[in-house]
C-alpha atoms as a PDB file:
ATOM      1  CA  UNK A   1       0.000   0.000   0.000  1.00  0.00           C
ATOM      2  CA  UNK A   2       2.833   2.355   0.818  1.00  0.00           C
ATOM      3  CA  UNK A   3       4.438   1.663  -2.553  1.00  0.00           C
ATOM      4  CA  UNK A   4       1.154   2.362  -4.375  1.00  0.00           C
ATOM      5  CA  UNK A   5       0.672   5.583  -2.426  1.00  0.00           C
ATOM      6  CA  UNK A   6       4.194   6.664  -3.283  1.00  0.00           C
ATOM      7  CA  UNK A   7       3.600   5.939  -6.944  1.00  0.00           C
ATOM      8  CA  UNK A   8       0.387   7.966  -6.904  1.00  0.00           C
ATOM      9  CA  UNK A   9       2.232  10.906  -5.341  1.00  0.00           C
ATOM     10  CA  UNK A  10       4.939  10.721  -8.003  1.00  0.00           C
ATOM     11  CA  UNK A  11       2.334  10.616 -10.779  1.00  0.00           C
ATOM     12  CA  UNK A  12       0.475  13.583  -9.274  1.00  0.00           C
ATOM     13  CA  UNK A  13       3.741  15.515  -9.010  1.00  0.00           C
ATOM     14  CA  UNK A  14       4.598  14.753 -12.635  1.00  0.00           C
ATOM     15  CA  UNK A  15       1.131  15.797 -13.808  1.00  0.00           C
ATOM     16  CA  UNK A  16       1.348  19.032 -11.821  1.00  0.00           C
ATOM     17  CA  UNK A  17       4.788  19.728 -13.285  1.00  0.00           C
ATOM     18  CA  UNK A  18       3.529  19.177 -16.833  1.00  0.00           C
ATOM     19  CA  UNK A  19       0.539  21.439 -16.239  1.00  0.00           C
ATOM     20  CA  UNK A  20       2.787  24.104 -14.730  1.00  0.00           C
ATOM     21  CA  UNK A  21       5.091  23.845 -17.739  1.00  0.00           C
ATOM     22  CA  UNK A  22       2.199  24.373 -20.136  1.00  0.00           C
ATOM     23  CA  UNK A  23       1.057  27.433 -18.189  1.00  0.00           C
ATOM     24  CA  UNK A  24       4.601  28.824 -18.071  1.00  0.00           C
ATOM     25  CA  UNK A  25       5.229  28.480 -21.798  1.00  0.00           C
ATOM     26  CA  UNK A  26       1.705  29.649 -22.633  1.00  0.00           C
ATOM     27  CA  UNK A  27       2.049  32.842 -20.602  1.00  0.00           C
ATOM     28  CA  UNK A  28       5.529  33.420 -22.070  1.00  0.00           C
ATOM     29  CA  UNK A  29       4.149  33.085 -25.613  1.00  0.00           C
ATOM     30  CA  UNK A  30       1.277  35.484 -24.900  1.00  0.00           C
ATOM     31  CA  UNK A  31       3.613  38.017 -23.288  1.00  0.00           C
ATOM     32  CA  UNK A  32       5.967  37.856 -26.269  1.00  0.00           C
ATOM     33  CA  UNK A  33       3.107  38.242 -28.761  1.00  0.00           C
ATOM     34  CA  UNK A  34       1.649  41.234 -26.905  1.00  0.00           C
ATOM     35  CA  UNK A  35       4.986  43.021 -26.457  1.00  0.00           C
ATOM     36  CA  UNK A  36       5.975  42.353 -30.081  1.00  0.00           C
ATOM     37  CA  UNK A  37       2.645  43.731 -31.340  1.00  0.00           C
ATOM     38  CA  UNK A  38       2.956  46.898 -29.238  1.00  0.00           C
ATOM     39  CA  UNK A  39       6.588  47.338 -30.330  1.00  0.00           C
ATOM     40  CA  UNK A  40       5.640  47.016 -34.000  1.00  0.00           C
ATOM     41  CA  UNK A  41       2.825  49.557 -33.654  1.00  0.00           C
ATOM     42  CA  UNK A  42       5.129  51.931 -31.782  1.00  0.00           C
ATOM     43  CA  UNK A  43       7.907  51.488 -34.327  1.00  0.00           C
ATOM     44  CA  UNK A  44       5.599  52.123 -37.266  1.00  0.00           C
ATOM     45  CA  UNK A  45       4.214  55.258 -35.624  1.00  0.00           C
ATOM     46  CA  UNK A  46       7.740  56.560 -35.029  1.00  0.00           C
ATOM     47  CA  UNK A  47       8.846  55.824 -38.596  1.00  0.00           C
ATOM     48  CA  UNK A  48       5.748  57.601 -39.958  1.00  0.00           C
ATOM     49  CA  UNK A  49       6.944  60.788 -38.240  1.00  0.00           C
ATOM     50  CA  UNK A  50      10.133  60.713 -40.268  1.00  0.00           C
ATOM     51  CA  UNK A  51      13.172  62.438 -38.816  1.00  0.00           C
ATOM     52  CA  UNK A  52      15.424  65.459 -39.055  1.00  0.00           C
ATOM     53  CA  UNK A  53      17.947  65.600 -41.915  1.00  0.00           C
ATOM     54  CA  UNK A  54      21.350  66.435 -40.458  1.00  0.00           C
ATOM     55  CA  UNK A  55      24.653  67.706 -41.869  1.00  0.00           C
ATOM     56  CA  UNK A  56      26.497  64.688 -43.215  1.00  0.00           C
ATOM     57  CA  UNK A  57      23.469  63.327 -45.041  1.00  0.00           C
ATOM     58  CA  UNK A  58      21.951  61.239 -42.239  1.00  0.00           C
ATOM     59  CA  UNK A  59      18.573  61.452 -40.488  1.00  0.00           C
ATOM     60  CA  UNK A  60      18.077  61.841 -36.739  1.00  0.00           C
ATOM     61  CA  UNK A  61      15.295  59.748 -35.232  1.00  0.00           C
ATOM     62  CA  UNK A  62      12.401  61.489 -33.512  1.00  0.00           C
ATOM     63  CA  UNK A  63      13.047  59.207 -30.524  1.00  0.00           C
ATOM     64  CA  UNK A  64      15.478  61.744 -29.044  1.00  0.00           C
ATOM     65  CA  UNK A  65      13.407  64.871 -29.753  1.00  0.00           C
ATOM     66  CA  UNK A  66      10.490  66.546 -27.984  1.00  0.00           C
ATOM     67  CA  UNK A  67       7.063  66.390 -29.592  1.00  0.00           C
ATOM     68  CA  UNK A  68       4.824  69.469 -29.673  1.00  0.00           C
ATOM     69  CA  UNK A  69       3.788  70.375 -26.133  1.00  0.00           C
ATOM     70  CA  UNK A  70       5.875  67.593 -24.588  1.00  0.00           C
ATOM     71  CA  UNK A  71       8.147  68.131 -21.589  1.00  0.00           C
ATOM     72  CA  UNK A  72      11.456  66.371 -21.066  1.00  0.00           C
ATOM     73  CA  UNK A  73       9.935  64.442 -18.162  1.00  0.00           C
ATOM     74  CA  UNK A  74       7.069  63.293 -20.387  1.00  0.00           C
ATOM     75  CA  UNK A  75       9.507  62.352 -23.152  1.00  0.00           C
ATOM     76  CA  UNK A  76      11.602  60.326 -20.696  1.00  0.00           C
ATOM     77  CA  UNK A  77       8.556  58.443 -19.386  1.00  0.00           C
ATOM     78  CA  UNK A  78       7.361  57.738 -22.931  1.00  0.00           C
ATOM     79  CA  UNK A  79      10.814  56.481 -23.952  1.00  0.00           C
ATOM     80  CA  UNK A  80      11.119  54.298 -20.870  1.00  0.00           C
ATOM     81  CA  UNK A  81       7.736  52.679 -21.494  1.00  0.00           C
ATOM     82  CA  UNK A  82       8.684  52.055 -25.119  1.00  0.00           C
ATOM     83  CA  UNK A  83      12.087  50.706 -24.055  1.00  0.00           C
ATOM     84  CA  UNK A  84      10.678  48.231 -21.514  1.00  0.00           C
ATOM     85  CA  UNK A  85       8.109  46.842 -23.962  1.00  0.00           C
ATOM     86  CA  UNK A  86      10.802  46.560 -26.632  1.00  0.00           C
ATOM     87  CA  UNK A  87      13.153  44.739 -24.241  1.00  0.00           C
ATOM     88  CA  UNK A  88      10.436  42.232 -23.359  1.00  0.00           C
ATOM     89  CA  UNK A  89       9.852  41.526 -27.049  1.00  0.00           C
ATOM     90  CA  UNK A  90      13.565  41.245 -27.856  1.00  0.00           C
ATOM     91  CA  UNK A  91      14.863  39.374 -24.807  1.00  0.00           C
ATOM     92  CA  UNK A  92      12.018  37.062 -23.854  1.00  0.00           C
ATOM     93  CA  UNK A  93      12.876  34.329 -26.419  1.00  0.00           C
ATOM     94  CA  UNK A  94      16.350  33.916 -24.900  1.00  0.00           C
ATOM     95  CA  UNK A  95      15.164  34.497 -21.307  1.00  0.00           C
ATOM     96  CA  UNK A  96      12.511  31.763 -21.253  1.00  0.00           C
ATOM     97  CA  UNK A  97      15.028  28.861 -21.124  1.00  0.00           C
ATOM     98  CA  UNK A  98      16.878  30.570 -18.247  1.00  0.00           C
ATOM     99  CA  UNK A  99      13.653  31.023 -16.299  1.00  0.00           C
ATOM    100  CA  UNK A 100      12.756  27.397 -16.983  1.00  0.00           C
ATOM    101  CA  UNK A 101      16.098  26.295 -15.505  1.00  0.00           C
ATOM    102  CA  UNK A 102      15.317  28.456 -12.469  1.00  0.00           C
ATOM    103  CA  UNK A 103      11.940  26.729 -12.049  1.00  0.00           C
ATOM    104  CA  UNK A 104      13.660  23.342 -12.188  1.00  0.00           C
ATOM    105  CA  UNK A 105      16.287  24.467  -9.672  1.00  0.00           C
ATOM    106  CA  UNK A 106      13.781  25.433  -6.971  1.00  0.00           C
ATOM    107  CA  UNK A 107      11.540  22.492  -7.921  1.00  0.00           C
ATOM    108  CA  UNK A 108       9.126  21.208  -5.313  1.00  0.00           C
ATOM    109  CA  UNK A 109      10.417  23.733  -2.756  1.00  0.00           C
ATOM    110  CA  UNK A 110       8.574  26.416  -4.691  1.00  0.00           C
ATOM    111  CA  UNK A 111       5.241  24.684  -4.201  1.00  0.00           C
ATOM    112  CA  UNK A 112       2.259  26.835  -5.073  1.00  0.00           C
ATOM    113  CA  UNK A 113       4.543  29.884  -5.226  1.00  0.00           C
ATOM    114  CA  UNK A 114       6.519  28.530  -8.198  1.00  0.00           C
ATOM    115  CA  UNK A 115       4.765  30.742 -10.742  1.00  0.00           C
ATOM    116  CA  UNK A 116       5.040  33.825  -8.536  1.00  0.00           C
ATOM    117  CA  UNK A 117       8.746  33.237  -7.869  1.00  0.00           C
ATOM    118  CA  UNK A 118       9.408  32.753 -11.576  1.00  0.00           C
ATOM    119  CA  UNK A 119       7.606  36.020 -12.298  1.00  0.00           C
ATOM    120  CA  UNK A 120       9.769  37.770  -9.687  1.00  0.00           C
ATOM    121  CA  UNK A 121      12.919  36.441 -11.335  1.00  0.00           C
ATOM    122  CA  UNK A 122      11.652  37.809 -14.658  1.00  0.00           C
ATOM    123  CA  UNK A 123      10.904  41.181 -13.043  1.00  0.00           C
ATOM    124  CA  UNK A 124      14.438  41.303 -11.635  1.00  0.00           C
ATOM    125  CA  UNK A 125      15.828  40.600 -15.097  1.00  0.00           C
ATOM    126  CA  UNK A 126      13.857  43.383 -16.794  1.00  0.00           C
ATOM    127  CA  UNK A 127      14.545  45.768 -13.909  1.00  0.00           C
ATOM    128  CA  UNK A 128      18.206  45.702 -14.959  1.00  0.00           C
ATOM    129  CA  UNK A 129      17.249  46.526 -18.553  1.00  0.00           C
ATOM    130  CA  UNK A 130      14.994  49.326 -17.271  1.00  0.00           C
ATOM    131  CA  UNK A 131      18.004  50.899 -15.556  1.00  0.00           C
ATOM    132  CA  UNK A 132      19.877  50.804 -18.858  1.00  0.00           C
ATOM    133  CA  UNK A 133      16.932  52.573 -20.485  1.00  0.00           C
ATOM    134  CA  UNK A 134      17.016  55.224 -17.760  1.00  0.00           C
ATOM    135  CA  UNK A 135      20.673  55.834 -18.597  1.00  0.00           C
ATOM    136  CA  UNK A 136      20.239  55.669 -22.384  1.00  0.00           C
ATOM    137  CA  UNK A 137      17.604  58.397 -22.744  1.00  0.00           C
ATOM    138  CA  UNK A 138      19.425  61.370 -21.166  1.00  0.00           C
ATOM    139  CA  UNK A 139      22.637  60.419 -22.982  1.00  0.00           C
ATOM    140  CA  UNK A 140      20.826  60.101 -26.309  1.00  0.00           C
ATOM    141  CA  UNK A 141      18.863  63.306 -25.802  1.00  0.00           C
ATOM    142  CA  UNK A 142      21.995  65.253 -24.795  1.00  0.00           C
ATOM    143  CA  UNK A 143      23.891  63.968 -27.835  1.00  0.00           C
ATOM    144  CA  UNK A 144      20.965  64.825 -30.133  1.00  0.00           C
ATOM    145  CA  UNK A 145      20.858  68.369 -28.734  1.00  0.00           C
ATOM    146  CA  UNK A 146      24.607  68.772 -29.261  1.00  0.00           C
ATOM    147  CA  UNK A 147      24.336  67.467 -32.820  1.00  0.00           C
ATOM    148  CA  UNK A 148      21.664  70.031 -33.662  1.00  0.00           C
ATOM    149  CA  UNK A 149      23.799  72.852 -32.259  1.00  0.00           C
ATOM    150  CA  UNK A 150      27.180  71.754 -33.655  1.00  0.00           C
ATOM    151  CA  UNK A 151      27.178  71.014 -37.408  1.00  0.00           C
ATOM    152  CA  UNK A 152      30.764  69.687 -37.257  1.00  0.00           C
ATOM    153  CA  UNK A 153      29.683  67.089 -34.688  1.00  0.00           C
ATOM    154  CA  UNK A 154      26.674  66.143 -36.802  1.00  0.00           C
ATOM    155  CA  UNK A 155      28.890  65.571 -39.843  1.00  0.00           C
ATOM    156  CA  UNK A 156      31.094  63.218 -37.804  1.00  0.00           C
ATOM    157  CA  UNK A 157      28.176  61.037 -36.658  1.00  0.00           C
ATOM    158  CA  UNK A 158      28.197  58.628 -39.663  1.00  0.00           C
ATOM    159  CA  UNK A 159      31.867  57.874 -38.902  1.00  0.00           C
ATOM    160  CA  UNK A 160      31.072  57.433 -35.207  1.00  0.00           C
ATOM    161  CA  UNK A 161      28.221  55.028 -35.968  1.00  0.00           C
ATOM    162  CA  UNK A 162      30.514  52.975 -38.196  1.00  0.00           C
ATOM    163  CA  UNK A 163      33.140  52.929 -35.431  1.00  0.00           C
ATOM    164  CA  UNK A 164      30.598  51.737 -32.841  1.00  0.00           C
ATOM    165  CA  UNK A 165      29.473  48.931 -35.157  1.00  0.00           C
ATOM    166  CA  UNK A 166      33.112  48.004 -35.823  1.00  0.00           C
ATOM    167  CA  UNK A 167      33.899  47.854 -32.094  1.00  0.00           C
ATOM    168  CA  UNK A 168      30.780  45.768 -31.490  1.00  0.00           C
ATOM    169  CA  UNK A 169      32.115  43.273 -34.036  1.00  0.00           C
ATOM    170  CA  UNK A 170      35.484  43.148 -32.266  1.00  0.00           C
ATOM    171  CA  UNK A 171      33.676  42.610 -28.945  1.00  0.00           C
ATOM    172  CA  UNK A 172      32.069  39.432 -30.332  1.00  0.00           C
ATOM    173  CA  UNK A 173      35.528  37.811 -30.473  1.00  0.00           C
ATOM    174  CA  UNK A 174      36.659  38.887 -26.996  1.00  0.00           C
ATOM    175  CA  UNK A 175      37.234  36.483 -24.049  1.00  0.00           C
ATOM    176  CA  UNK A 176      34.850  38.666 -21.996  1.00  0.00           C
ATOM    177  CA  UNK A 177      32.073  38.003 -24.490  1.00  0.00           C
ATOM    178  CA  UNK A 178      32.827  34.274 -24.434  1.00  0.00           C
ATOM    179  CA  UNK A 179      32.651  34.140 -20.617  1.00  0.00           C
ATOM    180  CA  UNK A 180      29.386  36.059 -20.420  1.00  0.00           C
ATOM    181  CA  UNK A 181      27.838  33.980 -23.203  1.00  0.00           C
ATOM    182  CA  UNK A 182      28.832  30.804 -21.353  1.00  0.00           C
ATOM    183  CA  UNK A 183      27.047  32.121 -18.246  1.00  0.00           C
ATOM    184  CA  UNK A 184      23.908  32.802 -20.276  1.00  0.00           C
ATOM    185  CA  UNK A 185      23.967  29.444 -22.066  1.00  0.00           C
ATOM    186  CA  UNK A 186      24.887  27.240 -19.120  1.00  0.00           C
ATOM    187  CA  UNK A 187      23.451  26.590 -15.677  1.00  0.00           C
ATOM    188  CA  UNK A 188      25.216  28.926 -13.214  1.00  0.00           C
ATOM    189  CA  UNK A 189      26.297  27.544  -9.859  1.00  0.00           C
ATOM    190  CA  UNK A 190      23.779  29.902  -8.250  1.00  0.00           C
ATOM    191  CA  UNK A 191      21.030  27.868  -9.915  1.00  0.00           C
ATOM    192  CA  UNK A 192      21.901  24.712  -7.976  1.00  0.00           C
ATOM    193  CA  UNK A 193      19.575  23.951  -5.031  1.00  0.00           C
ATOM    194  CA  UNK A 194      18.380  27.548  -4.874  1.00  0.00           C
ATOM    195  CA  UNK A 195      16.202  28.683  -1.936  1.00  0.00           C
ATOM    196  CA  UNK A 196      12.579  29.260  -2.901  1.00  0.00           C
ATOM    197  CA  UNK A 197      12.002  32.766  -1.532  1.00  0.00           C
ATOM    198  CA  UNK A 198      11.120  36.124  -3.084  1.00  0.00           C
ATOM    199  CA  UNK A 199      14.402  37.892  -2.316  1.00  0.00           C
ATOM    200  CA  UNK A 200      16.487  35.122  -3.867  1.00  0.00           C
ATOM    201  CA  UNK A 201      14.236  35.025  -6.938  1.00  0.00           C
ATOM    202  CA  UNK A 202      14.556  38.782  -7.473  1.00  0.00           C
ATOM    203  CA  UNK A 203      18.336  38.736  -7.001  1.00  0.00           C
ATOM    204  CA  UNK A 204      18.693  35.779  -9.340  1.00  0.00           C
ATOM    205  CA  UNK A 205      16.731  37.601 -12.028  1.00  0.00           C
ATOM    206  CA  UNK A 206      18.923  40.676 -11.597  1.00  0.00           C
ATOM    207  CA  UNK A 207      22.065  38.546 -11.935  1.00  0.00           C
ATOM    208  CA  UNK A 208      20.651  37.075 -15.136  1.00  0.00           C
ATOM    209  CA  UNK A 209      19.947  40.595 -16.393  1.00  0.00           C
ATOM    210  CA  UNK A 210      23.495  41.742 -15.653  1.00  0.00           C
ATOM    211  CA  UNK A 211      25.049  38.727 -17.405  1.00  0.00           C
ATOM    212  CA  UNK A 212      22.714  39.279 -20.349  1.00  0.00           C
ATOM    213  CA  UNK A 213      23.533  42.988 -20.631  1.00  0.00           C
ATOM    214  CA  UNK A 214      27.266  42.242 -20.438  1.00  0.00           C
ATOM    215  CA  UNK A 215      26.906  39.542 -23.079  1.00  0.00           C
ATOM    216  CA  UNK A 216      24.901  41.487 -25.652  1.00  0.00           C
ATOM    217  CA  UNK A 217      26.125  44.994 -24.863  1.00  0.00           C
ATOM    218  CA  UNK A 218      27.810  45.279 -28.257  1.00  0.00           C
ATOM    219  CA  UNK A 219      24.708  44.249 -30.175  1.00  0.00           C
ATOM    220  CA  UNK A 220      22.536  46.609 -28.124  1.00  0.00           C
ATOM    221  CA  UNK A 221      24.987  49.446 -28.800  1.00  0.00           C
ATOM    222  CA  UNK A 222      24.436  48.843 -32.514  1.00  0.00           C
ATOM    223  CA  UNK A 223      20.692  49.142 -32.016  1.00  0.00           C
ATOM    224  CA  UNK A 224      21.056  52.393 -30.095  1.00  0.00           C
ATOM    225  CA  UNK A 225      23.240  54.095 -32.696  1.00  0.00           C
ATOM    226  CA  UNK A 226      21.396  52.804 -35.771  1.00  0.00           C
ATOM    227  CA  UNK A 227      17.907  53.500 -34.484  1.00  0.00           C
ATOM    228  CA  UNK A 228      16.387  52.316 -31.231  1.00  0.00           C
ATOM    229  CA  UNK A 229      12.911  52.010 -32.777  1.00  0.00           C
ATOM    230  CA  UNK A 230      14.032  50.756 -36.188  1.00  0.00           C
ATOM    231  CA  UNK A 231      12.001  47.552 -36.579  1.00  0.00           C
ATOM    232  CA  UNK A 232      14.459  45.958 -39.005  1.00  0.00           C
ATOM    233  CA  UNK A 233      17.408  46.635 -36.709  1.00  0.00           C
ATOM    234  CA  UNK A 234      15.439  45.279 -33.728  1.00  0.00           C
ATOM    235  CA  UNK A 235      14.542  42.079 -35.583  1.00  0.00           C
ATOM    236  CA  UNK A 236      18.148  41.489 -36.651  1.00  0.00           C
ATOM    237  CA  UNK A 237      19.569  42.135 -33.176  1.00  0.00           C
ATOM    238  CA  UNK A 238      16.910  39.939 -31.540  1.00  0.00           C
ATOM    239  CA  UNK A 239      17.653  37.112 -33.984  1.00  0.00           C
ATOM    240  CA  UNK A 240      21.400  37.413 -33.322  1.00  0.00           C
ATOM    241  CA  UNK A 241      20.979  37.411 -29.521  1.00  0.00           C
ATOM    242  CA  UNK A 242      18.577  34.468 -29.598  1.00  0.00           C
ATOM    243  CA  UNK A 243      20.768  32.439 -31.975  1.00  0.00           C
ATOM    244  CA  UNK A 244      23.968  32.785 -29.978  1.00  0.00           C
ATOM    245  CA  UNK A 245      22.121  31.949 -26.737  1.00  0.00           C
ATOM    246  CA  UNK A 246      20.014  28.988 -27.853  1.00  0.00           C
ATOM    247  CA  UNK A 247      21.665  27.371 -30.897  1.00  0.00           C
ATOM    248  CA  UNK A 248      23.826  24.265 -30.229  1.00  0.00           C
ATOM    249  CA  UNK A 249      26.981  25.998 -31.521  1.00  0.00           C
ATOM    250  CA  UNK A 250      26.290  29.356 -29.902  1.00  0.00           C
ATOM    251  CA  UNK A 251      29.955  30.315 -29.439  1.00  0.00           C
ATOM    252  CA  UNK A 252      30.657  29.738 -33.122  1.00  0.00           C
ATOM    253  CA  UNK A 253      27.534  31.661 -34.099  1.00  0.00           C
ATOM    254  CA  UNK A 254      28.687  34.590 -31.932  1.00  0.00           C
ATOM    255  CA  UNK A 255      31.943  34.704 -33.895  1.00  0.00           C
ATOM    256  CA  UNK A 256      30.095  34.504 -37.221  1.00  0.00           C
ATOM    257  CA  UNK A 257      27.906  37.391 -36.073  1.00  0.00           C
ATOM    258  CA  UNK A 258      31.074  39.257 -35.109  1.00  0.00           C
ATOM    259  CA  UNK A 259      32.537  38.785 -38.586  1.00  0.00           C
ATOM    260  CA  UNK A 260      29.350  40.080 -40.216  1.00  0.00           C
ATOM    261  CA  UNK A 261      29.234  43.063 -37.865  1.00  0.00           C
ATOM    262  CA  UNK A 262      32.908  43.851 -38.523  1.00  0.00           C
ATOM    263  CA  UNK A 263      32.227  43.886 -42.255  1.00  0.00           C
ATOM    264  CA  UNK A 264      29.183  46.108 -41.761  1.00  0.00           C
ATOM    265  CA  UNK A 265      31.166  48.564 -39.624  1.00  0.00           C
ATOM    266  CA  UNK A 266      33.959  48.830 -42.194  1.00  0.00           C
ATOM    267  CA  UNK A 267      31.414  49.330 -44.958  1.00  0.00           C
ATOM    268  CA  UNK A 268      29.667  52.107 -43.021  1.00  0.00           C
ATOM    269  CA  UNK A 269      32.948  53.950 -42.414  1.00  0.00           C
ATOM    270  CA  UNK A 270      33.919  53.686 -46.093  1.00  0.00           C
ATOM    271  CA  UNK A 271      30.451  54.847 -47.114  1.00  0.00           C
ATOM    272  CA  UNK A 272      30.681  57.847 -44.756  1.00  0.00           C
ATOM    273  CA  UNK A 273      34.043  58.812 -46.291  1.00  0.00           C
ATOM    274  CA  UNK A 274      32.882  58.328 -49.875  1.00  0.00           C
ATOM    275  CA  UNK A 275      32.466  61.638 -51.723  1.00  0.00           C
ATOM    276  CA  UNK A 276      28.802  62.585 -51.959  1.00  0.00           C
END
């Protein structure tokens, strides 16, 4: 009788785990679909506004400029909301496997709080990206203001963009990149037998966010300088981040991406120097 009871408990636990897995992946899919849809609508609305033609033959995005009647505080809040939604759409495909490993690490200790703890880990992850958005807006807005006031600086921007892309390509080959990518692809030691409490879940999510930002900092820099709400650039960067995180040969893919980015950076610098 004891053996039969034990078997029934195991079967119930397996069934509960399968049901929880379906809920987890279902919610993740819905969240990705919603954030991607909002990002696309936002991106299309921004592109419909056009931009400001600058000395040097390039166009400044409206992302860094005030709309009619808008204050800087309102612009910052609008950018931050757009940034967070965009980060969810871009990072969720590569985050889901990490959150799944977290769920497996806390296992039965999570009990009925498993979903809530997983959500907290996700919130910790995107909190880190929110901080980066808070830093990106004032820097971008200040640079945009300087570019509008200093024509010589504006003419140098195409070269600077090419240089940023070139450096991002070099970064893909660095040992630092390889270490951070290994942390994102593997199961960190902190994931082993992790306590099932809210503070640990939040801190774990923040650690994941830091590793992720270190790993894909070069690719995100490309997005920022090319156009933070450029849908094509977002799709390419998202595909690159997801491929190097999830594909079986992620390290090799990261180097292939680096080679492509290096070529793109060199091409952009040559194009900027080419007589108009």
